[in-house]
Amino acid sequence: KGTPKTEDTIDFVDSDEQEGILIQIPSRD
């Protein structure tokens, strides 16, 4: 139906930061 199987994203993370997610890629074909 075109609905993403998960709401989770591929995240690009700076692990030195507590809130380190910089870029998020959603699930899309």
PDB file of all heavy atoms in Angstrom:
ATOM      1  N   LYS A   1       0.817  -1.213   0.000  1.00  0.00           N
ATOM      2  CA  LYS A   1       0.000   0.000   0.000  1.00  0.00           C
ATOM      3  C   LYS A   1       0.853   1.266   0.000  1.00  0.00           C
ATOM      4  O   LYS A   1       0.324   2.373   0.032  1.00  0.00           O
ATOM      5  CB  LYS A   1      -0.920   0.009   1.215  1.00  0.00           C
ATOM      6  CG  LYS A   1      -1.942  -1.119   1.213  1.00  0.00           C
ATOM      7  CD  LYS A   1      -2.838  -1.044   2.455  1.00  0.00           C
ATOM      8  CE  LYS A   1      -3.860  -2.179   2.459  1.00  0.00           C
ATOM      9  NZ  LYS A   1      -4.717  -2.129   3.676  1.00  0.00           N
ATOM     10  N   GLY A   2       2.183   1.087  -0.007  1.00  0.00           N
ATOM     11  CA  GLY A   2       3.072   2.243  -0.012  1.00  0.00           C
ATOM     12  C   GLY A   2       3.362   2.808   1.362  1.00  0.00           C
ATOM     13  O   GLY A   2       3.965   3.876   1.483  1.00  0.00           O
ATOM     14  N   THR A   3       2.955   2.089   2.414  1.00  0.00           N
ATOM     15  CA  THR A   3       3.210   2.543   3.784  1.00  0.00           C
ATOM     16  C   THR A   3       4.563   2.029   4.252  1.00  0.00           C
ATOM     17  O   THR A   3       4.854   0.840   4.088  1.00  0.00           O
ATOM     18  CB  THR A   3       2.114   2.025   4.733  1.00  0.00           C
ATOM     19  OG1 THR A   3       0.841   2.453   4.250  1.00  0.00           O
ATOM     20  CG2 THR A   3       2.331   2.540   6.151  1.00  0.00           C
ATOM     21  N   PRO A   4       5.412   2.890   4.828  1.00  0.00           N
ATOM     22  CA  PRO A   4       6.703   2.403   5.335  1.00  0.00           C
ATOM     23  C   PRO A   4       6.516   1.294   6.359  1.00  0.00           C
ATOM     24  O   PRO A   4       5.630   1.356   7.212  1.00  0.00           O
ATOM     25  CB  PRO A   4       7.317   3.655   5.981  1.00  0.00           C
ATOM     26  CG  PRO A   4       6.670   4.798   5.276  1.00  0.00           C
ATOM     27  CD  PRO A   4       5.267   4.348   4.973  1.00  0.00           C
ATOM     28  N   LYS A   5       7.345   0.258   6.266  1.00  0.00           N
ATOM     29  CA  LYS A   5       7.250  -0.859   7.202  1.00  0.00           C
ATOM     30  C   LYS A   5       7.677  -0.469   8.609  1.00  0.00           C
ATOM     31  O   LYS A   5       7.322  -1.138   9.573  1.00  0.00           O
ATOM     32  CB  LYS A   5       8.106  -2.029   6.699  1.00  0.00           C
ATOM     33  CG  LYS A   5       7.599  -2.686   5.431  1.00  0.00           C
ATOM     34  CD  LYS A   5       8.507  -3.844   5.042  1.00  0.00           C
ATOM     35  CE  LYS A   5       8.024  -4.526   3.774  1.00  0.00           C
ATOM     36  NZ  LYS A   5       8.919  -5.645   3.378  1.00  0.00           N
ATOM     37  N   THR A   6       8.460   0.568   8.729  1.00  0.00           N
ATOM     38  CA  THR A   6       8.891   1.053  10.033  1.00  0.00           C
ATOM     39  C   THR A   6       8.987   2.567  10.006  1.00  0.00           C
ATOM     40  O   THR A   6       9.271   3.158   8.965  1.00  0.00           O
ATOM     41  CB  THR A   6      10.250   0.461  10.441  1.00  0.00           C
ATOM     42  OG1 THR A   6      10.654   1.019  11.701  1.00  0.00           O
ATOM     43  CG2 THR A   6      11.319   0.750   9.411  1.00  0.00           C
ATOM     44  N   GLU A   7       8.726   3.186  11.146  1.00  0.00           N
ATOM     45  CA  GLU A   7       8.900   4.631  11.261  1.00  0.00           C
ATOM     46  C   GLU A   7      10.339   4.988  11.583  1.00  0.00           C
ATOM     47  O   GLU A   7      10.710   6.163  11.572  1.00  0.00           O
ATOM     48  CB  GLU A   7       7.971   5.187  12.345  1.00  0.00           C
ATOM     49  CG  GLU A   7       6.491   5.077  12.002  1.00  0.00           C
ATOM     50  CD  GLU A   7       5.605   5.668  13.084  1.00  0.00           C
ATOM     51  OE1 GLU A   7       6.158   6.134  14.106  1.00  0.00           O
ATOM     52  OE2 GLU A   7       4.384   5.666  12.911  1.00  0.00           O
ATOM     53  N   ASP A   8      11.158   3.977  11.901  1.00  0.00           N
ATOM     54  CA  ASP A   8      12.561   4.238  12.206  1.00  0.00           C
ATOM     55  C   ASP A   8      13.295   4.681  10.949  1.00  0.00           C
ATOM     56  O   ASP A   8      12.908   4.362   9.827  1.00  0.00           O
ATOM     57  CB  ASP A   8      13.227   2.997  12.795  1.00  0.00           C
ATOM     58  CG  ASP A   8      12.710   2.670  14.186  1.00  0.00           C
ATOM     59  OD1 ASP A   8      12.404   3.625  14.920  1.00  0.00           O
ATOM     60  OD2 ASP A   8      12.594   1.483  14.521  1.00  0.00           O
ATOM     61  N   THR A   9      14.370   5.393  11.143  1.00  0.00           N
ATOM     62  CA  THR A   9      15.127   5.991  10.054  1.00  0.00           C
ATOM     63  C   THR A   9      16.558   5.482  10.061  1.00  0.00           C
ATOM     64  O   THR A   9      17.019   4.888  11.035  1.00  0.00           O
ATOM     65  CB  THR A   9      15.148   7.519  10.213  1.00  0.00           C
ATOM     66  OG1 THR A   9      15.608   7.841  11.534  1.00  0.00           O
ATOM     67  CG2 THR A   9      13.755   8.107  10.013  1.00  0.00           C
ATOM     68  N   ILE A  10      17.259   5.704   8.959  1.00  0.00           N
ATOM     69  CA  ILE A  10      18.712   5.546   8.948  1.00  0.00           C
ATOM     70  C   ILE A  10      19.281   6.864   9.446  1.00  0.00           C
ATOM     71  O   ILE A  10      19.082   7.905   8.822  1.00  0.00           O
ATOM     72  CB  ILE A  10      19.238   5.218   7.542  1.00  0.00           C
ATOM     73  CG1 ILE A  10      18.611   3.919   7.018  1.00  0.00           C
ATOM     74  CG2 ILE A  10      20.756   5.110   7.545  1.00  0.00           C
ATOM     75  CD1 ILE A  10      18.980   3.589   5.579  1.00  0.00           C
ATOM     76  N   ASP A  11      19.953   6.815  10.580  1.00  0.00           N
ATOM     77  CA  ASP A  11      20.415   8.034  11.239  1.00  0.00           C
ATOM     78  C   ASP A  11      21.921   8.210  11.083  1.00  0.00           C
ATOM     79  O   ASP A  11      22.684   7.253  11.218  1.00  0.00           O
ATOM     80  CB  ASP A  11      20.085   7.995  12.735  1.00  0.00           C
ATOM     81  CG  ASP A  11      18.587   7.975  12.998  1.00  0.00           C
ATOM     82  OD1 ASP A  11      17.838   8.429  12.115  1.00  0.00           O
ATOM     83  OD2 ASP A  11      18.182   7.509  14.071  1.00  0.00           O
ATOM     84  N   PHE A  12      22.327   9.434  10.810  1.00  0.00           N
ATOM     85  CA  PHE A  12      23.738   9.795  10.799  1.00  0.00           C
ATOM     86  C   PHE A  12      24.029  10.521  12.106  1.00  0.00           C
ATOM     87  O   PHE A  12      23.421  11.541  12.409  1.00  0.00           O
ATOM     88  CB  PHE A  12      24.067  10.637   9.574  1.00  0.00           C
ATOM     89  CG  PHE A  12      24.074   9.828   8.307  1.00  0.00           C
ATOM     90  CD1 PHE A  12      22.891   9.484   7.676  1.00  0.00           C
ATOM     91  CD2 PHE A  12      25.264   9.364   7.769  1.00  0.00           C
ATOM     92  CE1 PHE A  12      22.871   8.711   6.532  1.00  0.00           C
ATOM     93  CE2 PHE A  12      25.268   8.594   6.614  1.00  0.00           C
ATOM     94  CZ  PHE A  12      24.076   8.269   5.994  1.00  0.00           C
ATOM     95  N   VAL A  13      24.955   9.965  12.879  1.00  0.00           N
ATOM     96  CA  VAL A  13      25.079  10.303  14.289  1.00  0.00           C
ATOM     97  C   VAL A  13      26.492  10.752  14.621  1.00  0.00           C
ATOM     98  O   VAL A  13      27.472  10.140  14.204  1.00  0.00           O
ATOM     99  CB  VAL A  13      24.726   9.071  15.158  1.00  0.00           C
ATOM    100  CG1 VAL A  13      24.895   9.375  16.632  1.00  0.00           C
ATOM    101  CG2 VAL A  13      23.305   8.608  14.869  1.00  0.00           C
ATOM    102  N   ASP A  14      26.561  11.851  15.388  1.00  0.00           N
ATOM    103  CA  ASP A  14      27.820  12.233  16.025  1.00  0.00           C
ATOM    104  C   ASP A  14      27.806  11.604  17.409  1.00  0.00           C
ATOM    105  O   ASP A  14      27.100  12.063  18.302  1.00  0.00           O
ATOM    106  CB  ASP A  14      27.910  13.760  16.120  1.00  0.00           C
ATOM    107  CG  ASP A  14      29.213  14.226  16.758  1.00  0.00           C
ATOM    108  OD1 ASP A  14      29.954  13.374  17.292  1.00  0.00           O
ATOM    109  OD2 ASP A  14      29.483  15.435  16.728  1.00  0.00           O
ATOM    110  N   SER A  15      28.566  10.542  17.609  1.00  0.00           N
ATOM    111  CA  SER A  15      28.487   9.775  18.846  1.00  0.00           C
ATOM    112  C   SER A  15      29.088  10.504  20.030  1.00  0.00           C
ATOM    113  O   SER A  15      28.926  10.074  21.171  1.00  0.00           O
ATOM    114  CB  SER A  15      29.192   8.423  18.682  1.00  0.00           C
ATOM    115  OG  SER A  15      30.556   8.622  18.375  1.00  0.00           O
ATOM    116  N   ASP A  16      29.768  11.611  19.785  1.00  0.00           N
ATOM    117  CA  ASP A  16      30.331  12.388  20.897  1.00  0.00           C
ATOM    118  C   ASP A  16      29.298  13.309  21.523  1.00  0.00           C
ATOM    119  O   ASP A  16      29.560  13.926  22.554  1.00  0.00           O
ATOM    120  CB  ASP A  16      31.525  13.230  20.416  1.00  0.00           C
ATOM    121  CG  ASP A  16      32.719  12.356  20.068  1.00  0.00           C
ATOM    122  OD1 ASP A  16      32.834  11.268  20.649  1.00  0.00           O
ATOM    123  OD2 ASP A  16      33.516  12.759  19.209  1.00  0.00           O
ATOM    124  N   GLU A  17      28.147  13.427  20.887  1.00  0.00           N
ATOM    125  CA  GLU A  17      27.111  14.318  21.384  1.00  0.00           C
ATOM    126  C   GLU A  17      25.956  13.507  21.964  1.00  0.00           C
ATOM    127  O   GLU A  17      25.562  12.494  21.406  1.00  0.00           O
ATOM    128  CB  GLU A  17      26.584  15.204  20.246  1.00  0.00           C
ATOM    129  CG  GLU A  17      27.634  16.111  19.628  1.00  0.00           C
ATOM    130  CD  GLU A  17      28.120  17.173  20.596  1.00  0.00           C
ATOM    131  OE1 GLU A  17      27.301  17.631  21.418  1.00  0.00           O
ATOM    132  OE2 GLU A  17      29.302  17.534  20.530  1.00  0.00           O
ATOM    133  N   GLN A  18      25.401  13.961  23.087  1.00  0.00           N
ATOM    134  CA  GLN A  18      24.273  13.265  23.699  1.00  0.00           C
ATOM    135  C   GLN A  18      23.069  13.252  22.758  1.00  0.00           C
ATOM    136  O   GLN A  18      22.354  12.269  22.660  1.00  0.00           O
ATOM    137  CB  GLN A  18      23.892  13.943  25.025  1.00  0.00           C
ATOM    138  CG  GLN A  18      22.713  13.309  25.744  1.00  0.00           C
ATOM    139  CD  GLN A  18      22.978  11.882  26.201  1.00  0.00           C
ATOM    140  OE1 GLN A  18      24.128  11.488  26.351  1.00  0.00           O
ATOM    141  NE2 GLN A  18      21.924  11.097  26.402  1.00  0.00           N
ATOM    142  N   GLU A  19      22.831  14.366  22.096  1.00  0.00           N
ATOM    143  CA  GLU A  19      21.769  14.419  21.093  1.00  0.00           C
ATOM    144  C   GLU A  19      22.432  14.611  19.735  1.00  0.00           C
ATOM    145  O   GLU A  19      22.471  15.696  19.187  1.00  0.00           O
ATOM    146  CB  GLU A  19      20.785  15.543  21.409  1.00  0.00           C
ATOM    147  CG  GLU A  19      20.026  15.291  22.709  1.00  0.00           C
ATOM    148  CD  GLU A  19      18.926  16.304  22.949  1.00  0.00           C
ATOM    149  OE1 GLU A  19      18.851  17.280  22.182  1.00  0.00           O
ATOM    150  OE2 GLU A  19      18.160  16.114  23.898  1.00  0.00           O
ATOM    151  N   GLY A  20      22.980  13.508  19.235  1.00  0.00           N
ATOM    152  CA  GLY A  20      23.914  13.612  18.126  1.00  0.00           C
ATOM    153  C   GLY A  20      23.385  13.229  16.777  1.00  0.00           C
ATOM    154  O   GLY A  20      24.164  13.066  15.837  1.00  0.00           O
ATOM    155  N   ILE A  21      22.050  13.038  16.621  1.00  0.00           N
ATOM    156  CA  ILE A  21      21.525  12.691  15.305  1.00  0.00           C
ATOM    157  C   ILE A  21      21.524  13.942  14.427  1.00  0.00           C
ATOM    158  O   ILE A  21      20.915  14.938  14.765  1.00  0.00           O
ATOM    159  CB  ILE A  21      20.106  12.114  15.403  1.00  0.00           C
ATOM    160  CG1 ILE A  21      20.115  10.819  16.209  1.00  0.00           C
ATOM    161  CG2 ILE A  21      19.538  11.849  14.006  1.00  0.00           C
ATOM    162  CD1 ILE A  21      18.746  10.204  16.385  1.00  0.00           C
ATOM    163  N   LEU A  22      22.228  13.863  13.314  1.00  0.00           N
ATOM    164  CA  LEU A  22      22.380  15.019  12.432  1.00  0.00           C
ATOM    165  C   LEU A  22      21.456  14.937  11.225  1.00  0.00           C
ATOM    166  O   LEU A  22      20.894  15.935  10.799  1.00  0.00           O
ATOM    167  CB  LEU A  22      23.831  15.117  11.959  1.00  0.00           C
ATOM    168  CG  LEU A  22      24.887  15.140  13.082  1.00  0.00           C
ATOM    169  CD1 LEU A  22      26.272  15.130  12.475  1.00  0.00           C
ATOM    170  CD2 LEU A  22      24.701  16.336  13.976  1.00  0.00           C
ATOM    171  N   ILE A  23      21.340  13.754  10.643  1.00  0.00           N
ATOM    172  CA  ILE A  23      20.557  13.559   9.431  1.00  0.00           C
ATOM    173  C   ILE A  23      19.772  12.261   9.583  1.00  0.00           C
ATOM    174  O   ILE A  23      20.307  11.276  10.088  1.00  0.00           O
ATOM    175  CB  ILE A  23      21.468  13.489   8.182  1.00  0.00           C
ATOM    176  CG1 ILE A  23      22.136  14.853   7.942  1.00  0.00           C
ATOM    177  CG2 ILE A  23      20.690  13.050   6.943  1.00  0.00           C
ATOM    178  CD1 ILE A  23      23.215  14.819   6.893  1.00  0.00           C
ATOM    179  N   GLN A  24      18.529  12.260   9.144  1.00  0.00           N
ATOM    180  CA  GLN A  24      17.692  11.071   9.210  1.00  0.00           C
ATOM    181  C   GLN A  24      17.097  10.774   7.843  1.00  0.00           C
ATOM    182  O   GLN A  24      16.543  11.656   7.196  1.00  0.00           O
ATOM    183  CB  GLN A  24      16.570  11.261  10.236  1.00  0.00           C
ATOM    184  CG  GLN A  24      17.064  11.450  11.662  1.00  0.00           C
ATOM    185  CD  GLN A  24      15.917  11.708  12.622  1.00  0.00           C
ATOM    186  OE1 GLN A  24      15.340  12.782  12.613  1.00  0.00           O
ATOM    187  NE2 GLN A  24      15.590  10.726  13.433  1.00  0.00           N
ATOM    188  N   ILE A  25      17.221   9.522   7.430  1.00  0.00           N
ATOM    189  CA  ILE A  25      16.666   9.084   6.148  1.00  0.00           C
ATOM    190  C   ILE A  25      15.491   8.162   6.431  1.00  0.00           C
ATOM    191  O   ILE A  25      15.664   7.084   6.995  1.00  0.00           O
ATOM    192  CB  ILE A  25      17.724   8.348   5.312  1.00  0.00           C
ATOM    193  CG1 ILE A  25      18.894   9.289   5.004  1.00  0.00           C
ATOM    194  CG2 ILE A  25      17.111   7.810   4.027  1.00  0.00           C
ATOM    195  CD1 ILE A  25      20.041   8.604   4.312  1.00  0.00           C
ATOM    196  N   PRO A  26      14.275   8.561   6.059  1.00  0.00           N
ATOM    197  CA  PRO A  26      13.108   7.705   6.316  1.00  0.00           C
ATOM    198  C   PRO A  26      13.073   6.511   5.364  1.00  0.00           C
ATOM    199  O   PRO A  26      13.801   6.455   4.377  1.00  0.00           O
ATOM    200  CB  PRO A  26      11.929   8.654   6.061  1.00  0.00           C
ATOM    201  CG  PRO A  26      12.457   9.663   5.103  1.00  0.00           C
ATOM    202  CD  PRO A  26      13.910   9.842   5.432  1.00  0.00           C
ATOM    203  N   SER A  27      12.232   5.540   5.689  1.00  0.00           N
ATOM    204  CA  SER A  27      12.085   4.339   4.867  1.00  0.00           C
ATOM    205  C   SER A  27      11.240   4.658   3.642  1.00  0.00           C
ATOM    206  O   SER A  27      10.028   4.862   3.752  1.00  0.00           O
ATOM    207  CB  SER A  27      11.424   3.226   5.684  1.00  0.00           C
ATOM    208  OG  SER A  27      12.241   2.847   6.756  1.00  0.00           O
ATOM    209  N   ARG A  28      11.850   4.716   2.475  1.00  0.00           N
ATOM    210  CA  ARG A  28      11.153   4.998   1.227  1.00  0.00           C
ATOM    211  C   ARG A  28      11.788   4.190   0.094  1.00  0.00           C
ATOM    212  O   ARG A  28      13.018   4.122  -0.021  1.00  0.00           O
ATOM    213  CB  ARG A  28      11.241   6.494   0.867  1.00  0.00           C
ATOM    214  CG  ARG A  28      10.569   7.425   1.859  1.00  0.00           C
ATOM    215  CD  ARG A  28       9.048   7.307   1.810  1.00  0.00           C
ATOM    216  NE  ARG A  28       8.410   8.323   2.637  1.00  0.00           N
ATOM    217  CZ  ARG A  28       8.187   8.209   3.940  1.00  0.00           C
ATOM    218  NH1 ARG A  28       8.566   7.108   4.566  1.00  0.00           N
ATOM    219  NH2 ARG A  28       7.598   9.177   4.613  1.00  0.00           N
ATOM    220  N   ASP A  29      10.966   3.604  -0.731  1.00  0.00           N
ATOM    221  CA  ASP A  29      11.459   2.860  -1.888  1.00  0.00           C
ATOM    222  C   ASP A  29      11.865   3.810  -3.009  1.00  0.00           C
ATOM    223  O   ASP A  29      11.253   4.858  -3.203  1.00  0.00           O
ATOM    224  CB  ASP A  29      10.376   1.906  -2.404  1.00  0.00           C
ATOM    225  CG  ASP A  29      10.141   0.737  -1.468  1.00  0.00           C
ATOM    226  OD1 ASP A  29      11.069   0.373  -0.726  1.00  0.00           O
ATOM    227  OD2 ASP A  29       9.016   0.180  -1.482  1.00  0.00           O
TER     228      ASP A  29
END
